[in-house]
Amino acid sequence: MVLNCLQDPHPRVRWAACNAIYWLLDNFSPHLQEKYHNQVLLALAEAVDDFHPRVLAHAATALCNFGVPGKPETLIPYLDGLVNKLLVLIKVSKIEATKLQSA
């Protein structure tokens, strides 16, 4: 149900879904990560591409909370795509910060 909310047309619903996923990962670690890593990681990776800055920031934060304690190999199949998406976010945020400073 929460993952479906990441597809909602309203950004507040998508943000709330990212927030819920963050806290679910925090409270149900490592069971949630071990059992649902494929669905959750793919959904969060898609949410990082969201056009709304708060949604993508919360999706990135939830991704950072995803580590599976004692099982880093769980993330290996996803690392290339996730790291590339996060690097793009860093570059874009630096460009936006520079624009704001020069304005």
N, C-alpha and C. Protein backbone atom coordinates (compact mmCIF):
# COMPACT_ATOMS: atom_id res chain seq x y z
N MET A 1 0.82 -1.19 0.00
CA MET A 1 0.00 0.00 0.00
C MET A 1 0.86 1.26 0.00
N VAL A 2 1.88 1.29 0.84
CA VAL A 2 2.73 2.48 0.90
C VAL A 2 3.47 2.68 -0.42
N LEU A 3 3.95 1.60 -1.01
CA LEU A 3 4.68 1.71 -2.27
C LEU A 3 3.77 2.25 -3.37
N ASN A 4 2.50 1.88 -3.36
CA ASN A 4 1.55 2.40 -4.35
C ASN A 4 1.38 3.91 -4.22
N CYS A 5 1.51 4.43 -3.02
CA CYS A 5 1.35 5.87 -2.79
C CYS A 5 2.48 6.68 -3.43
N LEU A 6 3.60 6.03 -3.74
CA LEU A 6 4.69 6.74 -4.42
C LEU A 6 4.29 7.13 -5.84
N GLN A 7 3.21 6.56 -6.36
CA GLN A 7 2.72 6.86 -7.71
C GLN A 7 1.56 7.86 -7.69
N ASP A 8 1.18 8.33 -6.51
CA ASP A 8 0.05 9.24 -6.39
C ASP A 8 0.34 10.55 -7.12
N PRO A 9 -0.68 11.18 -7.73
CA PRO A 9 -0.45 12.45 -8.43
C PRO A 9 -0.08 13.62 -7.51
N HIS A 10 -0.44 13.54 -6.24
CA HIS A 10 -0.17 14.68 -5.35
C HIS A 10 1.19 14.50 -4.66
N PRO A 11 2.04 15.54 -4.71
CA PRO A 11 3.38 15.42 -4.11
C PRO A 11 3.37 15.20 -2.60
N ARG A 12 2.36 15.69 -1.90
CA ARG A 12 2.32 15.46 -0.44
C ARG A 12 2.11 13.99 -0.12
N VAL A 13 1.33 13.31 -0.93
CA VAL A 13 1.11 11.88 -0.72
C VAL A 13 2.40 11.12 -1.00
N ARG A 14 3.10 11.49 -2.09
CA ARG A 14 4.37 10.84 -2.42
C ARG A 14 5.40 11.10 -1.33
N TRP A 15 5.44 12.34 -0.81
CA TRP A 15 6.36 12.68 0.28
C TRP A 15 6.03 11.84 1.52
N ALA A 16 4.75 11.75 1.86
CA ALA A 16 4.33 10.97 3.03
C ALA A 16 4.70 9.49 2.86
N ALA A 17 4.60 8.99 1.65
CA ALA A 17 4.98 7.59 1.39
C ALA A 17 6.47 7.40 1.63
N CYS A 18 7.29 8.34 1.16
CA CYS A 18 8.74 8.27 1.41
C CYS A 18 9.03 8.33 2.90
N ASN A 19 8.33 9.19 3.60
CA ASN A 19 8.50 9.32 5.04
C ASN A 19 8.12 8.03 5.76
N ALA A 20 7.00 7.45 5.35
CA ALA A 20 6.56 6.18 5.96
C ALA A 20 7.57 5.07 5.70
N ILE A 21 8.09 5.01 4.48
CA ILE A 21 9.08 3.98 4.15
C ILE A 21 10.33 4.18 5.00
N TYR A 22 10.76 5.42 5.16
CA TYR A 22 11.93 5.71 6.00
C TYR A 22 11.74 5.12 7.39
N TRP A 23 10.59 5.41 8.01
CA TRP A 23 10.36 4.96 9.38
C TRP A 23 10.10 3.46 9.46
N LEU A 24 9.47 2.89 8.45
CA LEU A 24 9.30 1.43 8.42
C LEU A 24 10.65 0.74 8.35
N LEU A 25 11.55 1.27 7.51
CA LEU A 25 12.89 0.70 7.42
C LEU A 25 13.62 0.82 8.76
N ASP A 26 13.44 1.95 9.41
CA ASP A 26 14.11 2.19 10.69
C ASP A 26 13.58 1.25 11.78
N ASN A 27 12.28 1.05 11.81
CA ASN A 27 11.66 0.27 12.88
C ASN A 27 11.63 -1.23 12.65
N PHE A 28 11.67 -1.65 11.39
CA PHE A 28 11.56 -3.08 11.10
C PHE A 28 12.81 -3.64 10.45
N SER A 29 13.94 -3.01 10.73
CA SER A 29 15.22 -3.49 10.22
C SER A 29 15.65 -4.69 11.04
N PRO A 30 16.25 -5.67 10.48
CA PRO A 30 16.59 -5.90 9.08
C PRO A 30 15.53 -6.71 8.33
N HIS A 31 14.44 -7.09 9.01
CA HIS A 31 13.44 -7.96 8.39
C HIS A 31 12.87 -7.36 7.10
N LEU A 32 12.47 -6.10 7.15
CA LEU A 32 11.87 -5.46 5.98
C LEU A 32 12.85 -5.41 4.82
N GLN A 33 14.10 -5.04 5.11
CA GLN A 33 15.10 -4.96 4.05
C GLN A 33 15.37 -6.33 3.43
N GLU A 34 15.47 -7.34 4.27
CA GLU A 34 15.76 -8.68 3.76
C GLU A 34 14.62 -9.24 2.92
N LYS A 35 13.40 -9.03 3.37
CA LYS A 35 12.26 -9.64 2.69
C LYS A 35 11.76 -8.85 1.48
N TYR A 36 11.84 -7.52 1.54
CA TYR A 36 11.22 -6.69 0.50
C TYR A 36 12.21 -5.78 -0.22
N HIS A 37 13.50 -6.09 -0.16
CA HIS A 37 14.49 -5.18 -0.73
C HIS A 37 14.23 -4.87 -2.20
N ASN A 38 13.82 -5.85 -2.97
CA ASN A 38 13.63 -5.62 -4.40
C ASN A 38 12.53 -4.58 -4.66
N GLN A 39 11.37 -4.76 -4.05
CA GLN A 39 10.26 -3.84 -4.27
C GLN A 39 10.56 -2.44 -3.73
N VAL A 40 11.11 -2.38 -2.52
CA VAL A 40 11.33 -1.09 -1.87
C VAL A 40 12.44 -0.31 -2.57
N LEU A 41 13.55 -0.96 -2.87
CA LEU A 41 14.65 -0.25 -3.53
C LEU A 41 14.25 0.27 -4.90
N LEU A 42 13.55 -0.54 -5.67
CA LEU A 42 13.13 -0.09 -7.00
C LEU A 42 12.15 1.08 -6.91
N ALA A 43 11.23 1.02 -5.96
CA ALA A 43 10.26 2.10 -5.80
C ALA A 43 10.94 3.39 -5.35
N LEU A 44 11.88 3.29 -4.41
CA LEU A 44 12.59 4.49 -3.95
C LEU A 44 13.50 5.05 -5.04
N ALA A 45 14.12 4.17 -5.81
CA ALA A 45 14.97 4.63 -6.91
C ALA A 45 14.15 5.41 -7.93
N GLU A 46 12.94 4.97 -8.17
CA GLU A 46 12.05 5.70 -9.07
C GLU A 46 11.63 7.03 -8.46
N ALA A 47 11.39 7.05 -7.16
CA ALA A 47 10.97 8.28 -6.48
C ALA A 47 12.08 9.32 -6.46
N VAL A 48 13.33 8.90 -6.53
CA VAL A 48 14.44 9.85 -6.57
C VAL A 48 14.39 10.68 -7.85
N ASP A 49 13.71 10.18 -8.87
CA ASP A 49 13.55 10.92 -10.12
C ASP A 49 12.35 11.87 -10.10
N ASP A 50 11.67 11.98 -8.98
CA ASP A 50 10.48 12.82 -8.87
C ASP A 50 10.83 14.27 -9.18
N PHE A 51 9.89 14.98 -9.79
CA PHE A 51 10.12 16.39 -10.13
C PHE A 51 10.00 17.31 -8.91
N HIS A 52 9.35 16.85 -7.86
CA HIS A 52 9.16 17.68 -6.68
C HIS A 52 10.36 17.52 -5.75
N PRO A 53 11.04 18.62 -5.39
CA PRO A 53 12.28 18.52 -4.61
C PRO A 53 12.12 17.86 -3.24
N ARG A 54 11.01 18.07 -2.57
CA ARG A 54 10.84 17.45 -1.25
C ARG A 54 10.66 15.94 -1.36
N VAL A 55 9.96 15.51 -2.39
CA VAL A 55 9.75 14.08 -2.59
C VAL A 55 11.08 13.40 -2.89
N LEU A 56 11.83 13.96 -3.81
CA LEU A 56 13.10 13.31 -4.17
C LEU A 56 14.10 13.35 -3.02
N ALA A 57 14.09 14.42 -2.24
CA ALA A 57 14.99 14.49 -1.08
C ALA A 57 14.62 13.43 -0.05
N HIS A 58 13.33 13.25 0.19
CA HIS A 58 12.90 12.23 1.17
C HIS A 58 13.15 10.82 0.64
N ALA A 59 13.00 10.63 -0.66
CA ALA A 59 13.30 9.32 -1.24
C ALA A 59 14.79 9.00 -1.08
N ALA A 60 15.64 10.00 -1.32
CA ALA A 60 17.08 9.80 -1.16
C ALA A 60 17.42 9.49 0.30
N THR A 61 16.76 10.18 1.22
CA THR A 61 16.99 9.93 2.65
C THR A 61 16.56 8.51 3.03
N ALA A 62 15.43 8.08 2.51
CA ALA A 62 14.97 6.71 2.79
C ALA A 62 15.94 5.68 2.22
N LEU A 63 16.49 5.98 1.03
CA LEU A 63 17.49 5.08 0.44
C LEU A 63 18.71 4.95 1.35
N CYS A 64 19.12 6.07 1.92
CA CYS A 64 20.29 6.04 2.80
C CYS A 64 20.02 5.24 4.07
N ASN A 65 18.77 5.08 4.43
CA ASN A 65 18.38 4.33 5.63
C ASN A 65 18.18 2.85 5.32
N PHE A 66 18.50 2.44 4.10
CA PHE A 66 18.14 1.10 3.66
C PHE A 66 19.14 0.01 4.01
N GLY A 67 20.33 0.30 4.39
CA GLY A 67 21.34 -0.72 4.60
C GLY A 67 20.84 -1.95 5.34
N VAL A 68 21.21 -3.12 4.86
CA VAL A 68 20.83 -4.37 5.51
C VAL A 68 21.98 -4.77 6.42
N PRO A 69 21.79 -4.66 7.74
CA PRO A 69 22.88 -4.98 8.66
C PRO A 69 23.43 -6.39 8.44
N GLY A 70 24.74 -6.45 8.22
CA GLY A 70 25.40 -7.73 8.06
C GLY A 70 25.23 -8.37 6.69
N LYS A 71 24.50 -7.72 5.78
CA LYS A 71 24.27 -8.29 4.45
C LYS A 71 24.43 -7.22 3.36
N PRO A 72 25.62 -6.65 3.22
CA PRO A 72 25.79 -5.62 2.20
C PRO A 72 25.60 -6.14 0.78
N GLU A 73 25.74 -7.45 0.59
CA GLU A 73 25.58 -8.02 -0.75
C GLU A 73 24.16 -7.83 -1.29
N THR A 74 23.21 -7.57 -0.42
CA THR A 74 21.83 -7.32 -0.85
C THR A 74 21.74 -6.10 -1.76
N LEU A 75 22.60 -5.11 -1.51
CA LEU A 75 22.55 -3.87 -2.28
C LEU A 75 23.33 -3.92 -3.58
N ILE A 76 24.22 -4.88 -3.74
CA ILE A 76 25.13 -4.91 -4.89
C ILE A 76 24.41 -4.80 -6.24
N PRO A 77 23.32 -5.54 -6.48
CA PRO A 77 22.67 -5.42 -7.80
C PRO A 77 22.11 -4.03 -8.10
N TYR A 78 21.92 -3.22 -7.08
CA TYR A 78 21.28 -1.92 -7.24
C TYR A 78 22.27 -0.75 -7.19
N LEU A 79 23.49 -1.01 -6.79
CA LEU A 79 24.43 0.07 -6.49
C LEU A 79 24.71 1.00 -7.67
N ASP A 80 24.98 0.46 -8.84
CA ASP A 80 25.30 1.32 -9.98
C ASP A 80 24.19 2.34 -10.24
N GLY A 81 22.97 1.87 -10.35
CA GLY A 81 21.86 2.77 -10.61
C GLY A 81 21.62 3.76 -9.50
N LEU A 82 21.68 3.29 -8.26
CA LEU A 82 21.42 4.17 -7.12
C LEU A 82 22.50 5.23 -6.95
N VAL A 83 23.75 4.81 -7.06
CA VAL A 83 24.85 5.77 -6.90
C VAL A 83 24.79 6.82 -8.01
N ASN A 84 24.50 6.41 -9.24
CA ASN A 84 24.40 7.37 -10.33
C ASN A 84 23.27 8.37 -10.09
N LYS A 85 22.13 7.90 -9.61
CA LYS A 85 21.02 8.80 -9.32
C LYS A 85 21.38 9.79 -8.21
N LEU A 86 22.04 9.30 -7.17
CA LEU A 86 22.42 10.17 -6.06
C LEU A 86 23.48 11.18 -6.48
N LEU A 87 24.39 10.78 -7.36
CA LEU A 87 25.40 11.72 -7.87
C LEU A 87 24.74 12.83 -8.69
N VAL A 88 23.75 12.48 -9.49
CA VAL A 88 23.02 13.50 -10.25
C VAL A 88 22.35 14.47 -9.29
N LEU A 89 21.76 13.97 -8.22
CA LEU A 89 21.13 14.86 -7.23
C LEU A 89 22.14 15.81 -6.61
N ILE A 90 23.31 15.31 -6.31
CA ILE A 90 24.36 16.16 -5.72
C ILE A 90 24.77 17.25 -6.70
N LYS A 91 24.97 16.88 -7.95
CA LYS A 91 25.37 17.86 -8.97
C LYS A 91 24.30 18.92 -9.16
N VAL A 92 23.05 18.49 -9.27
CA VAL A 92 21.95 19.43 -9.46
C VAL A 92 21.82 20.35 -8.26
N SER A 93 21.97 19.82 -7.06
CA SER A 93 21.83 20.66 -5.86
C SER A 93 22.96 21.68 -5.79
N LYS A 94 24.15 21.32 -6.24
CA LYS A 94 25.26 22.29 -6.26
C LYS A 94 24.99 23.39 -7.27
N ILE A 95 24.44 23.04 -8.43
CA ILE A 95 24.12 24.04 -9.45
C ILE A 95 23.04 24.98 -8.92
N GLU A 96 22.01 24.43 -8.30
CA GLU A 96 20.93 25.25 -7.74
C GLU A 96 21.45 26.16 -6.63
N ALA A 97 22.33 25.67 -5.79
CA ALA A 97 22.90 26.48 -4.71
C ALA A 97 23.71 27.63 -5.29
N THR A 98 24.46 27.36 -6.35
CA THR A 98 25.25 28.41 -7.00
C THR A 98 24.34 29.47 -7.60
N LYS A 99 23.25 29.05 -8.23
CA LYS A 99 22.29 30.00 -8.80
C LYS A 99 21.69 30.88 -7.71
N LEU A 100 21.34 30.29 -6.59
CA LEU A 100 20.75 31.06 -5.49
C LEU A 100 21.74 32.06 -4.91
N GLN A 101 23.00 31.68 -4.82
CA GLN A 101 24.01 32.57 -4.27
C GLN A 101 24.28 33.75 -5.20
N SER A 102 24.20 33.52 -6.50
CA SER A 102 24.52 34.58 -7.45
C SER A 102 23.33 35.51 -7.70
N ALA A 103 22.15 35.12 -7.26
CA ALA A 103 20.95 35.94 -7.51
C ALA A 103 20.89 37.14 -6.59
